[in-house]
PDB file of N, CA and C in Angstrom:
ATOM      1  N   MET A   1      -6.830  16.369   9.862  1.00  0.00           N
ATOM      2  CA  MET A   1      -6.344  17.769   9.015  1.00  0.00           C
ATOM      3  C   MET A   1      -5.950  17.183   7.862  1.00  0.00           C
ATOM      4  N   LYS A   2      -5.017  15.660   7.442  1.00  0.00           N
ATOM      5  CA  LYS A   2      -4.246  15.497   6.394  1.00  0.00           C
ATOM      6  C   LYS A   2      -5.794  14.926   5.589  1.00  0.00           C
ATOM      7  N   LYS A   3      -7.016  13.917   6.330  1.00  0.00           N
ATOM      8  CA  LYS A   3      -7.554  13.518   5.399  1.00  0.00           C
ATOM      9  C   LYS A   3      -8.168  14.493   4.768  1.00  0.00           C
ATOM     10  N   ALA A   4      -8.831  15.535   5.177  1.00  0.00           N
ATOM     11  CA  ALA A   4      -9.216  17.475   4.735  1.00  0.00           C
ATOM     12  C   ALA A   4      -8.417  17.265   3.495  1.00  0.00           C
ATOM     13  N   THR A   5      -7.048  17.324   3.563  1.00  0.00           N
ATOM     14  CA  THR A   5      -6.650  18.130   2.615  1.00  0.00           C
ATOM     15  C   THR A   5      -6.707  17.102   1.469  1.00  0.00           C
ATOM     16  N   TYR A   6      -6.122  15.924   1.879  1.00  0.00           N
ATOM     17  CA  TYR A   6      -6.237  14.227   0.606  1.00  0.00           C
ATOM     18  C   TYR A   6      -7.711  14.647   0.166  1.00  0.00           C
ATOM     19  N   ARG A   7      -8.774  14.505   0.541  1.00  0.00           N
ATOM     20  CA  ARG A   7     -10.304  15.026   0.103  1.00  0.00           C
ATOM     21  C   ARG A   7     -10.479  16.086  -1.084  1.00  0.00           C
ATOM     22  N   GLY A   8      -9.720  17.446  -0.415  1.00  0.00           N
ATOM     23  CA  GLY A   8      -9.926  18.934  -0.785  1.00  0.00           C
ATOM     24  C   GLY A   8      -8.934  18.340  -2.489  1.00  0.00           C
ATOM     25  N   PHE A   9      -7.855  17.649  -2.064  1.00  0.00           N
ATOM     26  CA  PHE A   9      -7.069  17.749  -3.466  1.00  0.00           C
ATOM     27  C   PHE A   9      -7.992  17.018  -4.861  1.00  0.00           C
ATOM     28  N   LEU A  10      -8.299  15.384  -3.731  1.00  0.00           N
ATOM     29  CA  LEU A  10      -8.717  14.833  -4.932  1.00  0.00           C
ATOM     30  C   LEU A  10      -9.960  14.942  -5.293  1.00  0.00           C
ATOM     31  N   ASN A  11     -11.226  16.073  -4.523  1.00  0.00           N
ATOM     32  CA  ASN A  11     -12.027  16.173  -5.336  1.00  0.00           C
ATOM     33  C   ASN A  11     -11.830  17.314  -6.394  1.00  0.00           C
ATOM     34  N   PHE A  12     -10.809  18.489  -6.065  1.00  0.00           N
ATOM     35  CA  PHE A  12     -10.119  19.309  -6.808  1.00  0.00           C
ATOM     36  C   PHE A  12     -10.184  18.765  -8.332  1.00  0.00           C
ATOM     37  N   LEU A  13      -9.195  17.396  -8.301  1.00  0.00           N
ATOM     38  CA  LEU A  13      -9.294  16.905  -9.098  1.00  0.00           C
ATOM     39  C   LEU A  13     -10.066  16.555 -10.073  1.00  0.00           C
ATOM     40  N   GLY A  14     -11.430  16.587  -9.385  1.00  0.00           N
ATOM     41  CA  GLY A  14     -12.278  15.941 -10.481  1.00  0.00           C
ATOM     42  C   GLY A  14     -11.901  13.931 -10.264  1.00  0.00           C
ATOM     43  N   ALA A  15     -11.422  13.528  -9.137  1.00  0.00           N
ATOM     44  CA  ALA A  15     -10.939  12.268  -8.955  1.00  0.00           C
ATOM     45  C   ALA A  15     -12.012  11.049  -8.484  1.00  0.00           C
ATOM     46  N   LYS A  16     -13.105  11.340  -9.560  1.00  0.00           N
ATOM     47  CA  LYS A  16     -14.059  10.296  -9.264  1.00  0.00           C
ATOM     48  C   LYS A  16     -14.300   9.228 -10.032  1.00  0.00           C
ATOM     49  N   SER A  17     -14.652   7.956  -9.803  1.00  0.00           N
ATOM     50  CA  SER A  17     -14.510   7.077 -10.635  1.00  0.00           C
ATOM     51  C   SER A  17     -16.049   5.841 -11.342  1.00  0.00           C
ATOM     52  N   SER A  18     -16.600   5.870 -12.076  1.00  0.00           N
ATOM     53  CA  SER A  18     -17.182   4.671 -12.102  1.00  0.00           C
ATOM     54  C   SER A  18     -17.121   3.240 -12.430  1.00  0.00           C
ATOM     55  N   LYS A  19     -15.945   3.601 -13.103  1.00  0.00           N
ATOM     56  CA  LYS A  19     -15.184   2.197 -13.044  1.00  0.00           C
ATOM     57  C   LYS A  19     -14.061   1.756 -12.838  1.00  0.00           C
ATOM     58  N   ARG A  20     -13.262   1.355 -13.051  1.00  0.00           N
ATOM     59  CA  ARG A  20     -12.637  -0.019 -11.818  1.00  0.00           C
ATOM     60  C   ARG A  20     -11.285   0.766 -13.065  1.00  0.00           C
ATOM     61  N   TYR A  21     -10.892   1.919 -11.896  1.00  0.00           N
ATOM     62  CA  TYR A  21      -9.377   2.631 -12.103  1.00  0.00           C
ATOM     63  C   TYR A  21      -7.994   2.242 -11.166  1.00  0.00           C
ATOM     64  N   TRP A  22      -7.053   2.576 -11.506  1.00  0.00           N
ATOM     65  CA  TRP A  22      -6.148   1.911 -10.768  1.00  0.00           C
ATOM     66  C   TRP A  22      -5.234   3.137 -10.410  1.00  0.00           C
ATOM     67  N   ALA A  23      -5.327   2.968  -8.572  1.00  0.00           N
ATOM     68  CA  ALA A  23      -4.518   4.565  -8.693  1.00  0.00           C
ATOM     69  C   ALA A  23      -3.975   3.738  -7.248  1.00  0.00           C
ATOM     70  N   LEU A  24      -2.318   4.991  -7.349  1.00  0.00           N
ATOM     71  CA  LEU A  24      -1.142   4.514  -6.445  1.00  0.00           C
ATOM     72  C   LEU A  24      -0.588   5.855  -5.695  1.00  0.00           C
ATOM     73  N   ASP A  25      -0.542   5.494  -4.316  1.00  0.00           N
ATOM     74  CA  ASP A  25      -0.179   6.366  -3.142  1.00  0.00           C
ATOM     75  C   ASP A  25       0.964   6.427  -3.097  1.00  0.00           C
ATOM     76  N   ILE A  26       2.075   7.328  -3.145  1.00  0.00           N
ATOM     77  CA  ILE A  26       3.282   7.568  -3.382  1.00  0.00           C
ATOM     78  C   ILE A  26       3.303   8.240  -1.708  1.00  0.00           C
ATOM     79  N   GLY A  27       4.678   7.597  -1.103  1.00  0.00           N
ATOM     80  CA  GLY A  27       4.268   8.429   0.483  1.00  0.00           C
ATOM     81  C   GLY A  27       3.638   7.881   0.979  1.00  0.00           C
ATOM     82  N   CYS A  28       3.035   6.938   0.987  1.00  0.00           N
ATOM     83  CA  CYS A  28       1.414   6.679   1.244  1.00  0.00           C
ATOM     84  C   CYS A  28       1.110   7.129   3.208  1.00  0.00           C
ATOM     85  N   GLY A  29       2.130   6.709   3.396  1.00  0.00           N
ATOM     86  CA  GLY A  29       1.730   6.373   5.495  1.00  0.00           C
ATOM     87  C   GLY A  29       1.063   5.551   5.865  1.00  0.00           C
ATOM     88  N   TYR A  30      -0.109   6.184   6.294  1.00  0.00           N
ATOM     89  CA  TYR A  30      -0.593   5.527   7.021  1.00  0.00           C
ATOM     90  C   TYR A  30      -1.601   4.879   6.489  1.00  0.00           C
ATOM     91  N   GLY A  31      -1.696   5.009   5.075  1.00  0.00           N
ATOM     92  CA  GLY A  31      -3.146   5.038   4.014  1.00  0.00           C
ATOM     93  C   GLY A  31      -4.203   6.137   4.457  1.00  0.00           C
ATOM     94  N   TYR A  32      -4.051   6.855   4.753  1.00  0.00           N
ATOM     95  CA  TYR A  32      -4.905   8.093   4.646  1.00  0.00           C
ATOM     96  C   TYR A  32      -5.813   8.449   3.819  1.00  0.00           C
ATOM     97  N   ALA A  33      -5.101   8.861   2.082  1.00  0.00           N
ATOM     98  CA  ALA A  33      -5.509   8.897   0.874  1.00  0.00           C
ATOM     99  C   ALA A  33      -5.374   7.986  -0.136  1.00  0.00           C
ATOM    100  N   CYS A  34      -5.465   6.670   0.472  1.00  0.00           N
ATOM    101  CA  CYS A  34      -5.427   5.307  -0.451  1.00  0.00           C
ATOM    102  C   CYS A  34      -7.246   5.331   0.446  1.00  0.00           C
ATOM    103  N   LYS A  35      -7.347   5.418   1.574  1.00  0.00           N
ATOM    104  CA  LYS A  35      -8.942   5.121   1.722  1.00  0.00           C
ATOM    105  C   LYS A  35      -9.560   5.727   1.222  1.00  0.00           C
ATOM    106  N   LEU A  36      -9.421   7.653   1.034  1.00  0.00           N
ATOM    107  CA  LEU A  36     -10.098   8.197   0.116  1.00  0.00           C
ATOM    108  C   LEU A  36     -10.003   7.469  -1.085  1.00  0.00           C
ATOM    109  N   LEU A  37      -9.345   7.077  -1.708  1.00  0.00           N
ATOM    110  CA  LEU A  37      -9.241   6.921  -3.471  1.00  0.00           C
ATOM    111  C   LEU A  37      -9.987   5.622  -3.309  1.00  0.00           C
ATOM    112  N   ARG A  38      -9.945   4.490  -2.227  1.00  0.00           N
ATOM    113  CA  ARG A  38     -10.602   3.403  -2.265  1.00  0.00           C
ATOM    114  C   ARG A  38     -12.286   3.918  -2.465  1.00  0.00           C
ATOM    115  N   GLU A  39     -12.704   4.811  -1.561  1.00  0.00           N
ATOM    116  CA  GLU A  39     -14.163   5.568  -1.598  1.00  0.00           C
ATOM    117  C   GLU A  39     -14.733   6.161  -2.804  1.00  0.00           C
ATOM    118  N   LEU A  40     -13.429   6.685  -3.466  1.00  0.00           N
ATOM    119  CA  LEU A  40     -14.103   6.650  -5.177  1.00  0.00           C
ATOM    120  C   LEU A  40     -13.551   5.982  -6.019  1.00  0.00           C
ATOM    121  N   GLY A  41     -13.592   4.346  -5.291  1.00  0.00           N
ATOM    122  CA  GLY A  41     -13.732   3.830  -6.672  1.00  0.00           C
ATOM    123  C   GLY A  41     -12.829   3.117  -7.161  1.00  0.00           C
ATOM    124  N   TYR A  42     -11.589   3.374  -6.315  1.00  0.00           N
ATOM    125  CA  TYR A  42      -9.989   2.730  -7.346  1.00  0.00           C
ATOM    126  C   TYR A  42      -9.596   1.678  -6.742  1.00  0.00           C
ATOM    127  N   SER A  43      -9.097   0.789  -7.195  1.00  0.00           N
ATOM    128  CA  SER A  43      -8.504  -0.630  -6.647  1.00  0.00           C
ATOM    129  C   SER A  43      -7.485   0.377  -6.050  1.00  0.00           C
ATOM    130  N   VAL A  44      -6.992   0.605  -5.019  1.00  0.00           N
ATOM    131  CA  VAL A  44      -5.458   1.024  -4.309  1.00  0.00           C
ATOM    132  C   VAL A  44      -4.516   0.408  -4.127  1.00  0.00           C
ATOM    133  N   TYR A  45      -2.833   0.971  -4.523  1.00  0.00           N
ATOM    134  CA  TYR A  45      -2.209   1.041  -3.976  1.00  0.00           C
ATOM    135  C   TYR A  45      -0.914   1.668  -3.605  1.00  0.00           C
ATOM    136  N   GLY A  46      -0.356   1.351  -2.125  1.00  0.00           N
ATOM    137  CA  GLY A  46       0.150   2.247  -1.328  1.00  0.00           C
ATOM    138  C   GLY A  46       1.772   2.184  -1.414  1.00  0.00           C
ATOM    139  N   VAL A  47       2.618   3.223  -1.882  1.00  0.00           N
ATOM    140  CA  VAL A  47       3.905   2.870  -1.394  1.00  0.00           C
ATOM    141  C   VAL A  47       4.214   3.789  -0.186  1.00  0.00           C
ATOM    142  N   ASP A  48       5.704   3.194   0.470  1.00  0.00           N
ATOM    143  CA  ASP A  48       6.490   4.367   1.592  1.00  0.00           C
ATOM    144  C   ASP A  48       8.106   3.998   1.748  1.00  0.00           C
ATOM    145  N   ILE A  49       9.040   4.694   2.115  1.00  0.00           N
ATOM    146  CA  ILE A  49       9.802   4.199   2.164  1.00  0.00           C
ATOM    147  C   ILE A  49      10.006   3.625   3.532  1.00  0.00           C
ATOM    148  N   SER A  50       9.240   4.155   4.539  1.00  0.00           N
ATOM    149  CA  SER A  50       9.006   3.166   6.190  1.00  0.00           C
ATOM    150  C   SER A  50       8.595   2.154   6.133  1.00  0.00           C
ATOM    151  N   SER A  51       9.452   0.886   6.965  1.00  0.00           N
ATOM    152  CA  SER A  51       8.393  -0.183   6.501  1.00  0.00           C
ATOM    153  C   SER A  51       7.769  -0.240   8.143  1.00  0.00           C
ATOM    154  N   HIS A  52       8.099   0.703   9.481  1.00  0.00           N
ATOM    155  CA  HIS A  52       7.243   0.544   9.830  1.00  0.00           C
ATOM    156  C   HIS A  52       5.951   1.795   9.712  1.00  0.00           C
ATOM    157  N   VAL A  53       5.772   2.364   8.628  1.00  0.00           N
ATOM    158  CA  VAL A  53       4.696   3.143   8.025  1.00  0.00           C
ATOM    159  C   VAL A  53       3.700   1.985   7.058  1.00  0.00           C
ATOM    160  N   VAL A  54       4.946   1.419   6.557  1.00  0.00           N
ATOM    161  CA  VAL A  54       3.949   0.677   5.917  1.00  0.00           C
ATOM    162  C   VAL A  54       2.821  -0.754   6.616  1.00  0.00           C
ATOM    163  N   SER A  55       4.025  -1.116   7.620  1.00  0.00           N
ATOM    164  CA  SER A  55       3.326  -2.264   8.505  1.00  0.00           C
ATOM    165  C   SER A  55       2.200  -1.819   9.143  1.00  0.00           C
ATOM    166  N   THR A  56       2.087  -0.288   9.694  1.00  0.00           N
ATOM    167  CA  THR A  56       1.038   0.316  10.265  1.00  0.00           C
ATOM    168  C   THR A  56      -0.384   0.236   9.316  1.00  0.00           C
ATOM    169  N   ALA A  57       0.907   1.455   7.955  1.00  0.00           N
ATOM    170  CA  ALA A  57      -0.601   1.243   7.168  1.00  0.00           C
ATOM    171  C   ALA A  57      -1.649   0.030   6.707  1.00  0.00           C
ATOM    172  N   LYS A  58      -1.091  -1.089   6.892  1.00  0.00           N
ATOM    173  CA  LYS A  58      -1.653  -2.524   6.661  1.00  0.00           C
ATOM    174  C   LYS A  58      -2.109  -3.318   8.206  1.00  0.00           C
ATOM    175  N   LYS A  59      -2.030  -2.766   8.724  1.00  0.00           N
ATOM    176  CA  LYS A  59      -2.736  -2.983   9.990  1.00  0.00           C
ATOM    177  C   LYS A  59      -4.374  -1.804   9.706  1.00  0.00           C
ATOM    178  N   LEU A  60      -4.144  -1.415   9.843  1.00  0.00           N
ATOM    179  CA  LEU A  60      -5.071  -0.027   9.705  1.00  0.00           C
ATOM    180  C   LEU A  60      -6.300   0.136   8.532  1.00  0.00           C
ATOM    181  N   GLN A  61      -5.863  -0.348   7.629  1.00  0.00           N
ATOM    182  CA  GLN A  61      -6.193  -0.621   5.862  1.00  0.00           C
ATOM    183  C   GLN A  61      -6.802  -1.873   5.684  1.00  0.00           C
ATOM    184  N   GLY A  62      -6.112  -3.232   6.539  1.00  0.00           N
ATOM    185  CA  GLY A  62      -6.384  -4.560   5.655  1.00  0.00           C
ATOM    186  C   GLY A  62      -6.129  -4.368   4.549  1.00  0.00           C
ATOM    187  N   ASN A  63      -6.884  -5.644   3.996  1.00  0.00           N
ATOM    188  CA  ASN A  63      -6.582  -6.199   2.657  1.00  0.00           C
ATOM    189  C   ASN A  63      -7.151  -5.160   1.582  1.00  0.00           C
ATOM    190  N   LYS A  64      -7.694  -3.856   1.738  1.00  0.00           N
ATOM    191  CA  LYS A  64      -8.185  -3.037   1.039  1.00  0.00           C
ATOM    192  C   LYS A  64      -7.766  -2.853   0.082  1.00  0.00           C
ATOM    193  N   ALA A  65      -6.713  -2.488   0.186  1.00  0.00           N
ATOM    194  CA  ALA A  65      -5.333  -2.070  -0.502  1.00  0.00           C
ATOM    195  C   ALA A  65      -3.724  -2.718  -0.221  1.00  0.00           C
ATOM    196  N   GLU A  66      -1.922  -2.725  -1.431  1.00  0.00           N
ATOM    197  CA  GLU A  66      -1.567  -3.216  -1.147  1.00  0.00           C
ATOM    198  C   GLU A  66      -0.774  -2.421  -0.803  1.00  0.00           C
ATOM    199  N   PHE A  67       0.174  -2.566   0.150  1.00  0.00           N
ATOM    200  CA  PHE A  67       1.069  -1.618   0.507  1.00  0.00           C
ATOM    201  C   PHE A  67       2.272  -2.300   0.433  1.00  0.00           C
ATOM    202  N   LEU A  68       3.380  -1.667  -0.050  1.00  0.00           N
ATOM    203  CA  LEU A  68       5.128  -2.129   0.219  1.00  0.00           C
ATOM    204  C   LEU A  68       5.809  -0.978   0.188  1.00  0.00           C
ATOM    205  N   VAL A  69       7.026  -1.018   0.305  1.00  0.00           N
ATOM    206  CA  VAL A  69       7.908  -0.943   1.339  1.00  0.00           C
ATOM    207  C   VAL A  69       8.709  -0.558  -0.301  1.00  0.00           C
ATOM    208  N   CYS A  70       9.152   1.374  -0.556  1.00  0.00           N
ATOM    209  CA  CYS A  70      10.046   1.101  -1.636  1.00  0.00           C
ATOM    210  C   CYS A  70      10.123   2.871  -1.243  1.00  0.00           C
ATOM    211  N   ASP A  71      11.771   2.719  -2.646  1.00  0.00           N
ATOM    212  CA  ASP A  71      12.330   4.069  -2.502  1.00  0.00           C
ATOM    213  C   ASP A  71      11.691   4.446  -3.756  1.00  0.00           C
ATOM    214  N   VAL A  72      10.830   6.246  -3.794  1.00  0.00           N
ATOM    215  CA  VAL A  72      10.217   6.211  -5.654  1.00  0.00           C
ATOM    216  C   VAL A  72      11.712   6.772  -6.505  1.00  0.00           C
ATOM    217  N   GLN A  73      12.789   6.703  -5.950  1.00  0.00           N
ATOM    218  CA  GLN A  73      13.715   7.914  -6.440  1.00  0.00           C
ATOM    219  C   GLN A  73      14.416   5.856  -7.189  1.00  0.00           C
ATOM    220  N   GLU A  74      14.339   5.190  -6.627  1.00  0.00           N
ATOM    221  CA  GLU A  74      14.895   3.791  -7.408  1.00  0.00           C
ATOM    222  C   GLU A  74      14.174   3.229  -8.054  1.00  0.00           C
ATOM    223  N   TYR A  75      13.055   3.044  -8.121  1.00  0.00           N
ATOM    224  CA  TYR A  75      12.107   2.369  -8.422  1.00  0.00           C
ATOM    225  C   TYR A  75      10.679   2.258  -7.686  1.00  0.00           C
ATOM    226  N   ILE A  76       9.767   2.405  -9.026  1.00  0.00           N
ATOM    227  CA  ILE A  76       7.904   1.665  -8.246  1.00  0.00           C
ATOM    228  C   ILE A  76       7.692   0.321  -8.809  1.00  0.00           C
ATOM    229  N   PRO A  77       7.775  -0.585  -8.081  1.00  0.00           N
ATOM    230  CA  PRO A  77       7.586  -1.780  -7.527  1.00  0.00           C
ATOM    231  C   PRO A  77       6.338  -3.074  -8.875  1.00  0.00           C
ATOM    232  N   PHE A  78       5.976  -2.472  -9.621  1.00  0.00           N
ATOM    233  CA  PHE A  78       4.587  -3.064 -10.448  1.00  0.00           C
ATOM    234  C   PHE A  78       5.150  -2.559 -11.807  1.00  0.00           C
ATOM    235  N   LYS A  79       4.048  -4.308 -12.173  1.00  0.00           N
ATOM    236  CA  LYS A  79       4.818  -4.438 -13.307  1.00  0.00           C
ATOM    237  C   LYS A  79       3.378  -3.162 -14.641  1.00  0.00           C
ATOM    238  N   MET A  80       2.550  -3.000 -13.823  1.00  0.00           N
ATOM    239  CA  MET A  80       1.274  -2.218 -14.022  1.00  0.00           C
ATOM    240  C   MET A  80       1.350  -0.322 -14.175  1.00  0.00           C
ATOM    241  N   ASN A  81       0.639  -0.157 -15.300  1.00  0.00           N
ATOM    242  CA  ASN A  81       0.605   1.535 -14.657  1.00  0.00           C
ATOM    243  C   ASN A  81      -0.713   1.839 -14.724  1.00  0.00           C
ATOM    244  N   PHE A  82      -0.739   3.162 -13.317  1.00  0.00           N
ATOM    245  CA  PHE A  82      -1.673   3.506 -12.760  1.00  0.00           C
ATOM    246  C   PHE A  82      -2.253   4.835 -13.823  1.00  0.00           C
ATOM    247  N   ASP A  83      -3.979   4.704 -13.313  1.00  0.00           N
ATOM    248  CA  ASP A  83      -4.883   5.975 -14.381  1.00  0.00           C
ATOM    249  C   ASP A  83      -4.198   7.231 -13.148  1.00  0.00           C
ATOM    250  N   LEU A  84      -3.633   6.610 -12.343  1.00  0.00           N
ATOM    251  CA  LEU A  84      -4.310   8.234 -11.372  1.00  0.00           C
ATOM    252  C   LEU A  84      -2.998   8.006  -9.912  1.00  0.00           C
ATOM    253  N   ILE A  85      -1.909   8.792  -9.889  1.00  0.00           N
ATOM    254  CA  ILE A  85      -0.783   8.945  -8.847  1.00  0.00           C
ATOM    255  C   ILE A  85      -0.671   9.980  -8.141  1.00  0.00           C
ATOM    256  N   SER A  86      -1.246   9.826  -6.493  1.00  0.00           N
ATOM    257  CA  SER A  86      -0.676  10.922  -5.933  1.00  0.00           C
ATOM    258  C   SER A  86       0.677  10.947  -4.990  1.00  0.00           C
ATOM    259  N   CYS A  87       0.641  11.636  -4.802  1.00  0.00           N
ATOM    260  CA  CYS A  87       2.393  12.252  -4.169  1.00  0.00           C
ATOM    261  C   CYS A  87       1.838  12.820  -3.393  1.00  0.00           C
ATOM    262  N   PHE A  88       1.675  13.125  -1.775  1.00  0.00           N
ATOM    263  CA  PHE A  88       1.180  14.416  -1.034  1.00  0.00           C
ATOM    264  C   PHE A  88       2.381  14.655  -0.126  1.00  0.00           C
ATOM    265  N   ASP A  89       2.942  15.751  -0.324  1.00  0.00           N
ATOM    266  CA  ASP A  89       4.193  15.946   0.957  1.00  0.00           C
ATOM    267  C   ASP A  89       5.326  15.377   0.631  1.00  0.00           C
ATOM    268  N   VAL A  90       6.275  14.497  -0.644  1.00  0.00           N
ATOM    269  CA  VAL A  90       7.091  13.858  -0.445  1.00  0.00           C
ATOM    270  C   VAL A  90       8.138  14.372  -1.154  1.00  0.00           C
ATOM    271  N   LEU A  91       7.872  15.300  -2.715  1.00  0.00           N
ATOM    272  CA  LEU A  91       9.168  15.344  -3.423  1.00  0.00           C
ATOM    273  C   LEU A  91       9.796  15.679  -2.757  1.00  0.00           C
ATOM    274  N   GLU A  92       9.199  17.129  -1.500  1.00  0.00           N
ATOM    275  CA  GLU A  92      10.679  18.307  -1.426  1.00  0.00           C
ATOM    276  C   GLU A  92      11.303  17.128  -0.132  1.00  0.00           C
ATOM    277  N   HIS A  93      10.895  15.718  -0.017  1.00  0.00           N
ATOM    278  CA  HIS A  93      11.774  15.284   1.468  1.00  0.00           C
ATOM    279  C   HIS A  93      12.759  14.912   0.747  1.00  0.00           C
ATOM    280  N   LEU A  94      12.747  14.589  -0.627  1.00  0.00           N
ATOM    281  CA  LEU A  94      13.855  13.647  -1.640  1.00  0.00           C
ATOM    282  C   LEU A  94      15.341  14.031  -1.718  1.00  0.00           C
ATOM    283  N   GLU A  95      16.154  13.192  -2.035  1.00  0.00           N
ATOM    284  CA  GLU A  95      17.356  13.618  -2.619  1.00  0.00           C
ATOM    285  C   GLU A  95      17.852  14.260  -4.134  1.00  0.00           C
ATOM    286  N   SER A  96      16.760  12.978  -4.473  1.00  0.00           N
ATOM    287  CA  SER A  96      16.535  12.684  -6.141  1.00  0.00           C
ATOM    288  C   SER A  96      14.975  13.430  -6.339  1.00  0.00           C
ATOM    289  N   PRO A  97      14.514  14.594  -6.762  1.00  0.00           N
ATOM    290  CA  PRO A  97      12.643  14.509  -6.881  1.00  0.00           C
ATOM    291  C   PRO A  97      12.847  14.386  -8.611  1.00  0.00           C
ATOM    292  N   GLN A  98      13.524  14.476  -9.029  1.00  0.00           N
ATOM    293  CA  GLN A  98      14.090  14.118 -10.579  1.00  0.00           C
ATOM    294  C   GLN A  98      13.698  13.164 -10.904  1.00  0.00           C
ATOM    295  N   LEU A  99      14.725  12.115 -10.471  1.00  0.00           N
ATOM    296  CA  LEU A  99      14.460  10.676 -11.208  1.00  0.00           C
ATOM    297  C   LEU A  99      13.135  10.011  -9.981  1.00  0.00           C
ATOM    298  N   ALA A 100      12.220  10.699  -8.975  1.00  0.00           N
ATOM    299  CA  ALA A 100      11.548  10.300  -8.062  1.00  0.00           C
ATOM    300  C   ALA A 100      10.036  10.438  -9.596  1.00  0.00           C
ATOM    301  N   ILE A 101      10.305  11.824 -10.018  1.00  0.00           N
ATOM    302  CA  ILE A 101       9.088  12.267 -11.098  1.00  0.00           C
ATOM    303  C   ILE A 101       8.919  11.076 -12.377  1.00  0.00           C
ATOM    304  N   GLU A 102      10.488  11.183 -12.830  1.00  0.00           N
ATOM    305  CA  GLU A 102      10.805   9.774 -13.858  1.00  0.00           C
ATOM    306  C   GLU A 102      10.413   8.667 -13.857  1.00  0.00           C
ATOM    307  N   HIS A 103      10.244   8.135 -12.466  1.00  0.00           N
ATOM    308  CA  HIS A 103       9.627   7.072 -12.235  1.00  0.00           C
ATOM    309  C   HIS A 103       7.839   6.537 -12.449  1.00  0.00           C
ATOM    310  N   ILE A 104       7.587   8.375 -11.728  1.00  0.00           N
ATOM    311  CA  ILE A 104       5.656   8.259 -11.263  1.00  0.00           C
ATOM    312  C   ILE A 104       5.558   8.245 -13.011  1.00  0.00           C
ATOM    313  N   PHE A 105       6.209   9.370 -13.770  1.00  0.00           N
ATOM    314  CA  PHE A 105       6.022   9.339 -15.318  1.00  0.00           C
ATOM    315  C   PHE A 105       5.555   7.760 -15.703  1.00  0.00           C
ATOM    316  N   ASP A 106       6.708   7.229 -15.812  1.00  0.00           N
ATOM    317  CA  ASP A 106       6.530   6.000 -16.180  1.00  0.00           C
ATOM    318  C   ASP A 106       5.495   5.266 -15.613  1.00  0.00           C
ATOM    319  N   ALA A 107       5.359   5.046 -14.640  1.00  0.00           N
ATOM    320  CA  ALA A 107       4.155   4.294 -14.090  1.00  0.00           C
ATOM    321  C   ALA A 107       3.168   4.832 -14.145  1.00  0.00           C
ATOM    322  N   LEU A 108       2.519   5.807 -15.294  1.00  0.00           N
ATOM    323  CA  LEU A 108       1.326   6.917 -15.518  1.00  0.00           C
ATOM    324  C   LEU A 108       0.557   5.641 -16.706  1.00  0.00           C
ATOM    325  N   GLN A 109      -0.475   5.235 -16.994  1.00  0.00           N
ATOM    326  CA  GLN A 109      -0.906   4.788 -17.979  1.00  0.00           C
ATOM    327  C   GLN A 109      -1.162   5.724 -18.784  1.00  0.00           C
ATOM    328  N   GLU A 110      -0.462   5.205 -19.902  1.00  0.00           N
ATOM    329  CA  GLU A 110      -0.744   6.186 -20.973  1.00  0.00           C
ATOM    330  C   GLU A 110      -2.598   6.698 -21.891  1.00  0.00           C
ATOM    331  N   ILE A 111      -2.223   7.499 -22.757  1.00  0.00           N
ATOM    332  CA  ILE A 111      -4.108   7.947 -22.332  1.00  0.00           C
ATOM    333  C   ILE A 111      -3.946   7.959 -24.284  1.00  0.00           C
TER     334      ILE A 111
END
């Protein structure tokens, strides 16, 4: 079900790429959205607050994406900026969603 939902959102947004772009999935879980983004041509990173989930994502997705543990309310652990950031089913679970949104905004590539 989640794969279909993610694919629907990404297709709706027109998230297809013929060039190499950078994508970040916040709250990546087991990496389902990361896998779909990779299939669309993105170089993909995923973050989640759960070390267990990140460990499992690394096992399931291999080295096709980079997964890190972080709390998006505190920081996003990359010095680079991203062309696309997805954040499915995350904000409603946070104590400070405004802080998360500010960090997400700061991590986006300027157009």
